[in-house]
N, C-alpha and C. Protein backbone atom coordinates (compact mmCIF):
# COMPACT_ATOMS: atom_id res chain seq x y z
N MET A 1 77.49 111.67 80.88
CA MET A 1 76.94 111.48 79.54
C MET A 1 75.66 111.79 79.56
N ALA A 2 74.94 112.53 78.82
CA ALA A 2 73.36 112.56 78.98
C ALA A 2 72.69 111.37 78.38
N ALA A 3 71.54 111.27 79.52
CA ALA A 3 70.75 110.15 79.52
C ALA A 3 70.01 109.92 78.06
N SER A 4 69.75 110.89 77.40
CA SER A 4 68.79 110.98 75.90
C SER A 4 69.82 110.33 75.08
N LEU A 5 71.10 110.32 74.85
CA LEU A 5 71.79 109.77 73.89
C LEU A 5 71.73 108.21 73.88
N LEU A 6 71.78 107.71 72.68
CA LEU A 6 71.87 106.38 72.13
C LEU A 6 73.21 105.70 72.62
N ILE A 7 73.33 104.78 73.69
CA ILE A 7 74.60 104.25 73.82
C ILE A 7 74.67 103.06 74.03
N GLU A 8 75.73 102.29 73.48
CA GLU A 8 76.22 100.88 73.69
C GLU A 8 77.43 100.87 74.62
N GLN A 9 77.11 100.04 75.38
CA GLN A 9 78.41 99.80 76.73
C GLN A 9 79.15 98.57 76.33
N GLY A 10 80.57 98.43 76.30
CA GLY A 10 81.38 97.37 76.11
C GLY A 10 82.30 97.34 77.31
N PRO A 11 83.14 96.30 77.44
CA PRO A 11 83.79 96.05 78.76
C PRO A 11 84.97 97.21 78.85
N VAL A 12 85.42 97.86 77.67
CA VAL A 12 86.40 98.97 77.79
C VAL A 12 85.86 100.19 77.10
N VAL A 13 84.85 100.01 75.96
CA VAL A 13 84.55 100.97 74.96
C VAL A 13 83.11 101.23 75.09
N SER A 14 82.89 102.51 74.96
CA SER A 14 81.27 102.90 75.04
C SER A 14 81.06 103.42 73.60
N LEU A 15 79.93 103.20 72.99
CA LEU A 15 79.78 103.88 71.69
C LEU A 15 78.55 104.70 71.83
N ILE A 16 78.66 106.07 71.34
CA ILE A 16 77.46 107.33 71.60
C ILE A 16 77.24 107.59 70.19
N ALA A 17 75.94 107.11 69.86
CA ALA A 17 75.41 107.41 68.52
C ALA A 17 75.37 108.90 68.17
N ALA A 18 75.73 109.33 67.11
CA ALA A 18 75.75 110.85 66.79
C ALA A 18 74.31 111.57 66.57
N THR A 19 74.24 112.58 67.13
CA THR A 19 72.80 113.43 66.60
C THR A 19 73.67 114.39 65.79
N ARG A 20 72.28 115.45 65.34
CA ARG A 20 72.88 116.34 64.65
C ARG A 20 73.56 117.42 65.59
N ALA A 21 72.94 117.64 66.74
CA ALA A 21 73.72 118.75 67.54
C ALA A 21 75.13 118.04 68.04
N LEU A 22 75.41 116.98 68.05
CA LEU A 22 76.81 116.29 68.32
C LEU A 22 77.75 116.73 67.18
N LEU A 23 76.95 116.34 65.97
CA LEU A 23 78.04 116.62 64.77
C LEU A 23 78.23 118.13 64.62
N ASP A 24 76.91 118.93 65.07
CA ASP A 24 77.51 120.14 64.85
C ASP A 24 78.46 120.73 65.92
N ALA A 25 78.49 120.19 67.14
CA ALA A 25 79.43 120.67 67.88
C ALA A 25 80.90 120.21 67.72
N GLU A 26 80.86 119.12 66.93
CA GLU A 26 82.23 118.45 66.27
C GLU A 26 82.88 119.26 65.39
N GLU A 27 82.06 120.32 64.62
CA GLU A 27 82.86 121.17 63.81
C GLU A 27 83.48 122.24 64.46
N GLU A 28 83.23 122.48 65.82
CA GLU A 28 83.93 123.51 66.66
C GLU A 28 85.17 122.74 67.17
N GLY A 29 85.38 121.34 67.13
CA GLY A 29 86.66 120.93 67.67
C GLY A 29 86.48 119.82 68.48
N GLY A 30 87.73 119.13 69.01
CA GLY A 30 87.53 118.13 69.82
C GLY A 30 87.01 118.34 71.36
N ALA A 31 87.41 119.67 71.58
CA ALA A 31 86.70 119.82 73.03
C ALA A 31 85.51 120.25 73.18
N SER A 32 84.83 120.74 71.96
CA SER A 32 83.43 121.11 71.86
C SER A 32 82.33 119.70 71.78
N ILE A 33 83.00 118.85 70.99
CA ILE A 33 82.31 117.51 70.82
C ILE A 33 82.40 116.79 72.17
N ALA A 34 83.68 116.77 72.85
CA ALA A 34 83.77 115.96 74.24
C ALA A 34 82.82 116.73 74.95
N ALA A 35 82.77 117.89 74.91
CA ALA A 35 81.71 118.65 76.01
C ALA A 35 80.16 117.98 75.81
N GLY A 36 80.01 118.09 74.70
CA GLY A 36 78.57 117.60 74.04
C GLY A 36 78.23 116.15 74.55
N LEU A 37 79.34 115.17 74.72
CA LEU A 37 79.29 114.02 75.03
C LEU A 37 79.32 113.49 76.41
N GLY A 38 79.95 114.70 77.33
CA GLY A 38 79.89 114.70 78.58
C GLY A 38 81.38 113.77 78.95
N VAL A 39 82.47 113.96 78.29
CA VAL A 39 83.69 113.01 78.69
C VAL A 39 84.88 114.05 78.44
N ALA A 40 85.93 113.61 78.48
CA ALA A 40 87.29 114.46 78.64
C ALA A 40 87.58 114.53 76.89
N ALA A 41 88.09 115.75 76.83
CA ALA A 41 88.62 115.94 75.47
C ALA A 41 89.76 114.85 74.91
N PRO A 42 89.67 114.53 73.64
CA PRO A 42 90.80 114.11 72.95
C PRO A 42 91.88 114.74 72.89
N VAL A 43 93.04 113.87 72.75
CA VAL A 43 94.53 114.66 72.70
C VAL A 43 94.57 115.30 71.37
N ASP A 44 93.97 114.76 70.40
CA ASP A 44 93.96 115.45 69.06
C ASP A 44 92.74 115.05 68.42
N TRP A 45 92.05 116.08 67.52
CA TRP A 45 90.64 115.76 66.79
C TRP A 45 90.89 116.42 65.47
N PRO A 46 90.27 115.78 64.48
CA PRO A 46 89.42 114.56 64.17
C PRO A 46 90.44 113.43 63.82
N PRO A 47 89.69 112.11 64.00
CA PRO A 47 90.71 111.11 63.58
C PRO A 47 90.70 111.10 62.01
N GLU A 48 91.65 110.25 61.24
CA GLU A 48 91.50 109.95 60.18
C GLU A 48 90.26 109.79 59.46
N HIS A 49 90.10 110.21 58.40
CA HIS A 49 88.75 109.96 57.57
C HIS A 49 87.56 110.39 58.38
N ASN A 50 87.46 111.40 59.08
CA ASN A 50 86.56 111.94 59.76
C ASN A 50 86.40 113.63 59.31
N ASP A 51 86.19 114.10 58.32
CA ASP A 51 86.16 115.62 57.74
C ASP A 51 84.86 116.15 57.83
N PRO A 52 84.73 117.53 57.43
CA PRO A 52 83.64 118.08 57.35
C PRO A 52 82.50 117.67 56.27
N ALA A 53 83.04 116.91 55.14
CA ALA A 53 82.45 116.53 54.10
C ALA A 53 81.55 115.08 54.81
N THR A 54 82.20 114.22 55.48
CA THR A 54 81.76 112.92 56.38
C THR A 54 80.62 113.29 57.06
N ARG A 55 81.22 114.35 57.94
CA ARG A 55 79.96 114.85 58.89
C ARG A 55 78.87 115.29 58.26
N GLU A 56 78.85 115.98 57.24
CA GLU A 56 77.76 116.40 56.42
C GLU A 56 76.84 115.23 55.85
N TRP A 57 77.75 114.37 55.32
CA TRP A 57 76.73 113.09 54.88
C TRP A 57 76.10 112.45 56.08
N MET A 58 76.77 112.46 57.10
CA MET A 58 76.24 111.55 58.35
C MET A 58 75.01 112.53 58.80
N ARG A 59 74.93 113.89 58.68
CA ARG A 59 73.57 114.72 58.89
C ARG A 59 72.60 114.34 57.80
N GLU A 60 72.90 114.15 56.50
CA GLU A 60 72.05 113.62 55.59
C GLU A 60 71.46 112.68 55.94
N LEU A 61 72.23 111.37 56.60
CA LEU A 61 71.85 110.07 56.84
C LEU A 61 70.78 110.16 58.10
N LEU A 62 71.11 110.98 58.99
CA LEU A 62 70.10 111.29 60.10
C LEU A 62 68.96 112.08 59.59
N GLU A 63 68.69 112.82 58.61
CA GLU A 63 67.71 113.26 58.04
C GLU A 63 66.79 112.41 57.21
N ASP A 64 67.54 111.51 56.21
CA ASP A 64 67.01 110.62 55.46
C ASP A 64 66.45 109.55 56.13
N TYR A 65 66.84 109.06 57.29
CA TYR A 65 66.12 107.80 57.99
C TYR A 65 66.18 108.07 59.60
N PRO A 66 65.04 109.12 59.85
CA PRO A 66 64.89 109.49 61.30
C PRO A 66 64.42 108.32 62.08
N GLY A 67 63.85 107.18 61.41
CA GLY A 67 63.37 106.09 62.06
C GLY A 67 64.59 105.07 62.54
N GLU A 68 65.61 105.18 61.98
CA GLU A 68 67.01 104.50 62.20
C GLU A 68 67.81 105.01 63.14
N PRO A 69 67.88 105.08 64.52
CA PRO A 69 68.72 105.93 65.04
C PRO A 69 69.97 104.90 65.23
N GLY A 70 71.19 105.58 65.05
CA GLY A 70 72.55 104.68 65.17
C GLY A 70 72.72 103.94 63.73
N CYS A 71 72.24 104.63 62.70
CA CYS A 71 72.51 103.95 61.22
C CYS A 71 73.69 104.61 60.65
N GLY A 72 74.23 105.53 61.54
CA GLY A 72 75.55 106.53 60.94
C GLY A 72 76.64 106.13 62.00
N THR A 73 77.26 107.70 62.25
CA THR A 73 78.36 107.55 62.86
C THR A 73 78.03 107.37 64.69
N TRP A 74 78.84 106.96 65.21
CA TRP A 74 79.00 106.29 66.59
C TRP A 74 80.44 106.83 67.20
N TYR A 75 80.60 107.66 68.22
CA TYR A 75 81.69 108.27 68.83
C TYR A 75 82.07 107.09 69.87
N ILE A 76 83.48 106.74 69.81
CA ILE A 76 84.29 106.03 70.66
C ILE A 76 84.47 106.67 71.99
N VAL A 77 84.34 106.06 72.88
CA VAL A 77 84.95 106.70 74.27
C VAL A 77 85.44 105.53 75.10
N ALA A 78 86.82 105.58 75.48
CA ALA A 78 87.45 104.84 76.55
C ALA A 78 88.02 105.59 77.59
N GLN A 79 88.05 105.00 78.63
CA GLN A 79 88.50 105.50 79.99
C GLN A 79 88.17 107.11 80.19
N ASN A 80 86.62 107.19 79.65
CA ASN A 80 85.91 108.38 79.92
C ASN A 80 86.62 109.54 78.82
N ARG A 81 87.20 109.12 77.82
CA ARG A 81 87.96 110.12 76.82
C ARG A 81 87.35 109.84 75.40
N LEU A 82 87.17 110.64 74.49
CA LEU A 82 86.80 110.58 73.26
C LEU A 82 88.16 110.07 72.40
N VAL A 83 88.06 108.91 71.84
CA VAL A 83 89.24 108.33 71.13
C VAL A 83 89.12 108.16 69.83
N GLY A 84 87.81 108.40 69.03
CA GLY A 84 87.68 107.94 67.80
C GLY A 84 86.15 108.14 67.51
N VAL A 85 85.98 107.60 66.34
CA VAL A 85 84.67 107.34 65.66
C VAL A 85 84.39 105.85 64.95
N CYS A 86 83.20 105.75 64.69
CA CYS A 86 82.91 104.11 64.01
C CYS A 86 81.58 104.60 63.47
N GLY A 87 81.03 103.54 62.86
CA GLY A 87 79.78 103.40 62.62
C GLY A 87 79.11 102.73 61.10
N PHE A 88 78.12 102.94 60.86
CA PHE A 88 77.69 102.39 59.75
C PHE A 88 77.44 103.44 58.52
N LYS A 89 77.51 103.08 57.46
CA LYS A 89 77.21 103.88 56.11
C LYS A 89 75.83 103.70 55.61
N GLY A 90 74.95 103.51 56.63
CA GLY A 90 73.46 103.68 56.31
C GLY A 90 72.97 102.49 57.02
N PRO A 91 71.48 102.36 56.73
CA PRO A 91 70.73 101.05 57.40
C PRO A 91 71.16 99.93 56.44
N PRO A 92 70.47 98.83 56.64
CA PRO A 92 70.47 97.82 56.13
C PRO A 92 70.12 97.90 54.41
N ASN A 93 70.65 97.60 53.37
CA ASN A 93 70.14 97.48 51.96
C ASN A 93 69.41 96.35 51.76
N ALA A 94 68.84 96.28 50.54
CA ALA A 94 67.83 95.34 50.28
C ALA A 94 68.39 93.89 50.38
N ASP A 95 69.73 93.88 50.22
CA ASP A 95 70.14 92.35 50.23
C ASP A 95 70.68 92.10 51.90
N GLY A 96 70.36 92.66 52.64
CA GLY A 96 70.50 92.81 54.07
C GLY A 96 72.07 93.04 54.50
N GLU A 97 72.65 93.88 53.81
CA GLU A 97 74.04 94.08 54.15
C GLU A 97 73.90 95.68 54.79
N VAL A 98 75.10 95.81 55.57
CA VAL A 98 75.56 96.89 56.21
C VAL A 98 76.73 97.11 56.02
N VAL A 99 77.36 98.37 56.06
CA VAL A 99 79.08 98.58 55.93
C VAL A 99 79.35 99.17 57.11
N ILE A 100 80.54 98.99 57.85
CA ILE A 100 80.73 99.50 58.90
C ILE A 100 82.13 100.08 58.54
N GLY A 101 82.73 101.31 59.45
CA GLY A 101 83.87 101.72 59.16
C GLY A 101 84.28 102.00 60.60
N TYR A 102 85.70 102.41 61.03
CA TYR A 102 86.18 102.99 62.11
C TYR A 102 87.19 103.74 62.03
N SER A 103 87.52 104.69 62.90
CA SER A 103 88.87 105.29 62.65
C SER A 103 89.10 105.78 64.26
N VAL A 104 90.33 105.49 64.54
CA VAL A 104 90.85 105.83 66.12
C VAL A 104 92.06 106.83 65.87
N LEU A 105 92.00 107.72 66.92
CA LEU A 105 93.17 108.76 66.93
C LEU A 105 94.28 107.89 67.01
N GLU A 106 95.39 108.44 66.36
CA GLU A 106 96.95 107.78 66.34
C GLU A 106 97.32 107.46 67.63
N ALA A 107 97.14 108.37 68.52
CA ALA A 107 97.65 108.13 69.87
C ALA A 107 96.83 106.92 70.85
N GLU A 108 95.77 106.71 70.29
CA GLU A 108 94.91 105.73 70.82
C GLU A 108 95.00 104.19 70.09
N GLN A 109 95.77 104.10 69.23
CA GLN A 109 95.72 102.97 68.24
C GLN A 109 96.55 101.98 69.25
N ARG A 110 96.34 100.73 68.63
CA ARG A 110 97.24 99.41 69.36
C ARG A 110 96.58 99.39 70.81
N LYS A 111 95.59 99.79 71.00
CA LYS A 111 94.94 99.56 72.39
C LYS A 111 93.77 98.49 72.57
N GLY A 112 93.28 98.01 71.50
CA GLY A 112 92.15 97.18 71.27
C GLY A 112 91.01 98.10 71.12
N VAL A 113 91.09 99.35 71.04
CA VAL A 113 89.79 100.13 70.98
C VAL A 113 89.27 99.81 69.66
N ALA A 114 89.76 99.74 68.48
CA ALA A 114 89.25 99.25 67.14
C ALA A 114 88.59 97.87 67.18
N VAL A 115 89.24 97.22 67.52
CA VAL A 115 88.90 95.83 67.77
C VAL A 115 87.53 95.82 68.58
N GLU A 116 87.31 96.18 69.76
CA GLU A 116 86.38 96.16 70.66
C GLU A 116 84.93 96.93 69.91
N ALA A 117 85.41 98.26 69.40
CA ALA A 117 84.21 98.85 68.59
C ALA A 117 83.87 98.29 67.36
N ALA A 118 84.71 97.53 66.61
CA ALA A 118 84.07 97.10 65.47
C ALA A 118 83.12 95.67 65.95
N ARG A 119 83.77 94.99 66.98
CA ARG A 119 82.88 93.82 67.80
C ARG A 119 81.46 94.63 67.92
N MET A 120 81.65 95.54 68.52
CA MET A 120 80.16 95.99 69.06
C MET A 120 79.23 96.49 67.85
N LEU A 121 79.98 97.05 66.95
CA LEU A 121 78.98 97.46 65.80
C LEU A 121 78.73 96.26 64.87
N VAL A 122 79.32 94.90 65.12
CA VAL A 122 78.61 93.75 64.43
C VAL A 122 77.60 93.23 65.27
N ALA A 123 77.68 93.44 66.61
CA ALA A 123 76.64 92.79 67.52
C ALA A 123 75.43 93.53 67.24
N LEU A 124 75.60 94.95 67.19
CA LEU A 124 74.39 96.02 67.10
C LEU A 124 73.79 95.44 65.77
N ALA A 125 74.71 95.19 64.72
CA ALA A 125 74.08 95.03 63.32
C ALA A 125 73.20 93.77 63.44
N PHE A 126 73.86 92.54 63.97
CA PHE A 126 73.03 91.38 64.13
C PHE A 126 71.78 91.28 64.94
N ARG A 127 71.81 92.43 65.63
CA ARG A 127 70.45 92.47 66.34
C ARG A 127 69.32 92.96 65.82
N ASP A 128 69.49 93.49 64.29
CA ASP A 128 68.57 93.95 63.53
C ASP A 128 68.36 92.88 62.63
N PRO A 129 67.02 92.28 62.67
CA PRO A 129 66.79 90.85 62.04
C PRO A 129 66.97 91.14 60.21
N ARG A 130 66.73 92.33 59.96
CA ARG A 130 67.09 92.59 58.59
C ARG A 130 68.58 92.40 57.89
N VAL A 131 69.50 92.50 58.84
CA VAL A 131 70.90 92.12 58.60
C VAL A 131 71.37 90.71 58.47
N ASN A 132 71.99 90.30 57.19
CA ASN A 132 72.48 89.02 56.96
C ASN A 132 73.98 88.93 56.98
N VAL A 133 74.51 90.23 56.59
CA VAL A 133 76.08 90.38 56.53
C VAL A 133 76.75 91.75 56.86
N VAL A 134 77.72 91.92 57.27
CA VAL A 134 78.21 93.01 57.90
C VAL A 134 79.58 93.20 56.84
N VAL A 135 79.68 94.34 56.12
CA VAL A 135 80.77 94.57 55.27
C VAL A 135 81.78 95.64 55.89
N ALA A 136 82.80 95.27 55.49
CA ALA A 136 83.87 96.48 55.78
C ALA A 136 84.77 96.55 54.51
N GLU A 137 85.44 97.95 54.25
CA GLU A 137 86.47 97.95 53.22
C GLU A 137 87.52 98.64 53.71
N THR A 138 88.52 98.31 53.15
CA THR A 138 89.72 99.09 53.56
C THR A 138 90.91 98.99 52.65
N LEU A 139 92.20 99.67 52.65
CA LEU A 139 93.04 99.84 51.71
C LEU A 139 94.12 98.77 52.05
N PRO A 140 94.76 98.18 50.96
CA PRO A 140 95.77 96.99 51.12
C PRO A 140 96.79 97.58 52.22
N VAL A 141 97.39 98.88 52.30
CA VAL A 141 98.23 99.10 53.31
C VAL A 141 97.82 99.65 54.49
N LEU A 142 96.74 99.41 54.85
CA LEU A 142 96.06 99.70 56.00
C LEU A 142 95.87 98.20 56.84
N VAL A 143 97.28 97.50 57.10
CA VAL A 143 97.34 96.12 57.79
C VAL A 143 96.48 96.13 58.86
N ALA A 144 96.64 97.32 59.95
CA ALA A 144 96.30 97.11 61.36
C ALA A 144 94.76 97.06 61.34
N SER A 145 94.08 97.74 60.31
CA SER A 145 92.64 97.80 59.95
C SER A 145 92.12 96.31 59.61
N GLN A 146 93.13 95.58 58.59
CA GLN A 146 92.84 94.24 58.55
C GLN A 146 92.91 93.41 59.55
N LYS A 147 93.75 93.65 60.38
CA LYS A 147 93.79 93.02 61.56
C LYS A 147 92.73 93.00 62.45
N VAL A 148 92.28 94.41 62.61
CA VAL A 148 90.90 94.44 63.30
C VAL A 148 89.66 93.56 62.81
N LEU A 149 89.80 93.49 61.53
CA LEU A 149 88.40 92.71 60.89
C LEU A 149 88.92 91.32 61.31
N ALA A 150 90.00 90.67 60.86
CA ALA A 150 90.23 89.38 61.31
C ALA A 150 89.86 89.09 62.79
N ARG A 151 90.37 89.63 63.43
CA ARG A 151 90.20 89.67 65.04
C ARG A 151 88.49 89.46 65.40
N ASN A 152 87.68 89.85 64.32
CA ASN A 152 86.26 90.17 64.27
C ASN A 152 85.62 89.03 63.38
N GLY A 153 86.36 88.15 63.15
CA GLY A 153 85.76 86.93 62.14
C GLY A 153 85.44 87.29 60.99
N PHE A 154 85.75 88.56 60.11
CA PHE A 154 85.62 89.07 58.84
C PHE A 154 86.52 88.15 57.98
N THR A 155 86.15 87.94 56.79
CA THR A 155 86.84 87.16 55.82
C THR A 155 87.04 88.07 54.77
N HIS A 156 88.25 87.97 54.08
CA HIS A 156 88.61 88.91 52.71
C HIS A 156 87.75 88.19 51.66
N VAL A 157 86.87 88.94 51.09
CA VAL A 157 86.29 88.29 49.97
C VAL A 157 86.51 88.92 48.67
N GLY A 158 87.34 89.88 48.48
CA GLY A 158 87.76 90.49 47.20
C GLY A 158 87.99 92.06 47.39
N GLY A 159 87.88 92.54 46.32
CA GLY A 159 88.36 93.90 46.21
C GLY A 159 87.77 94.61 44.98
N TYR A 160 87.83 95.75 44.65
CA TYR A 160 87.44 96.44 43.52
C TYR A 160 88.12 97.96 43.33
N LEU A 161 88.11 98.42 42.07
CA LEU A 161 88.82 99.58 41.92
C LEU A 161 87.98 100.65 42.45
N ASP A 162 88.50 101.64 43.13
CA ASP A 162 87.76 102.72 43.53
C ASP A 162 88.81 103.91 42.63
N SER A 163 88.22 105.10 42.14
CA SER A 163 89.04 105.86 41.16
C SER A 163 89.78 106.85 42.25
N VAL A 164 89.41 107.03 43.48
CA VAL A 164 90.08 107.68 44.32
C VAL A 164 91.16 107.46 45.02
N GLU A 165 91.06 106.27 45.68
CA GLU A 165 92.02 105.61 46.92
C GLU A 165 92.55 104.35 46.18
N GLY A 166 92.37 104.04 45.04
CA GLY A 166 93.16 102.99 44.42
C GLY A 166 92.27 101.49 44.97
N GLN A 167 93.01 100.32 45.04
CA GLN A 167 92.25 99.09 45.36
C GLN A 167 91.89 99.09 46.70
N ILE A 168 90.59 98.75 46.65
CA ILE A 168 89.82 98.74 48.17
C ILE A 168 89.51 97.28 48.15
N MET A 169 90.06 96.79 49.69
CA MET A 169 89.72 95.03 50.02
C MET A 169 88.04 95.38 50.57
N ARG A 170 87.50 94.38 50.32
CA ARG A 170 86.23 93.96 51.05
C ARG A 170 86.31 92.77 51.93
N PHE A 171 85.83 92.93 52.98
CA PHE A 171 85.68 91.84 54.01
C PHE A 171 84.52 91.64 54.41
N GLU A 172 83.80 90.71 54.93
CA GLU A 172 82.63 90.47 55.42
C GLU A 172 82.54 89.53 56.50
N THR A 173 81.40 89.57 57.17
CA THR A 173 80.96 88.37 58.28
C THR A 173 79.43 88.28 58.41
N ARG A 174 79.31 87.12 58.12
CA ARG A 174 77.93 86.75 58.03
C ARG A 174 76.95 86.19 59.25
N ARG A 175 75.84 86.32 59.19
CA ARG A 175 74.97 85.98 60.37
C ARG A 175 75.60 84.34 60.47
N GLY A 176 75.70 84.30 62.15
CA GLY A 176 76.09 82.61 62.28
C GLY A 176 74.92 82.17 62.72
């Protein structure tokens, strides 16, 4: 992996912060992004909820917040293989909140990857003194995602209606 990349190391998972070049490589497919990361290609790409519109939004975050590296997408690597994405929906807001999300390739699910990646995002968020609460949102049908959040100390605090997806559940964990 390139030394100039922003990397977080966990026991099983590594997170590598997206750059514009990596997001551009991802448009060419899983083999291209894996080559850019210096890891083995994924079995399939992209994971759910990671489409061209999402990548364009992440490019805009990089442009809008050049002093906030890592405030957007992070690639999830396990066993030297690209297995998913996770990240933040931007830097902390005025209330000290950041929102996280994650998506792991179906073939890599139920292996603890999302649990560790989410744990790493929470730790990364709380290293920033501006952050008081980490928020995650998921759908009621995504029970596995809710379990990932529970394993990371998140509490279900309610939901709200979203005109596109239906009922969204909101989870939080606060600085302890």
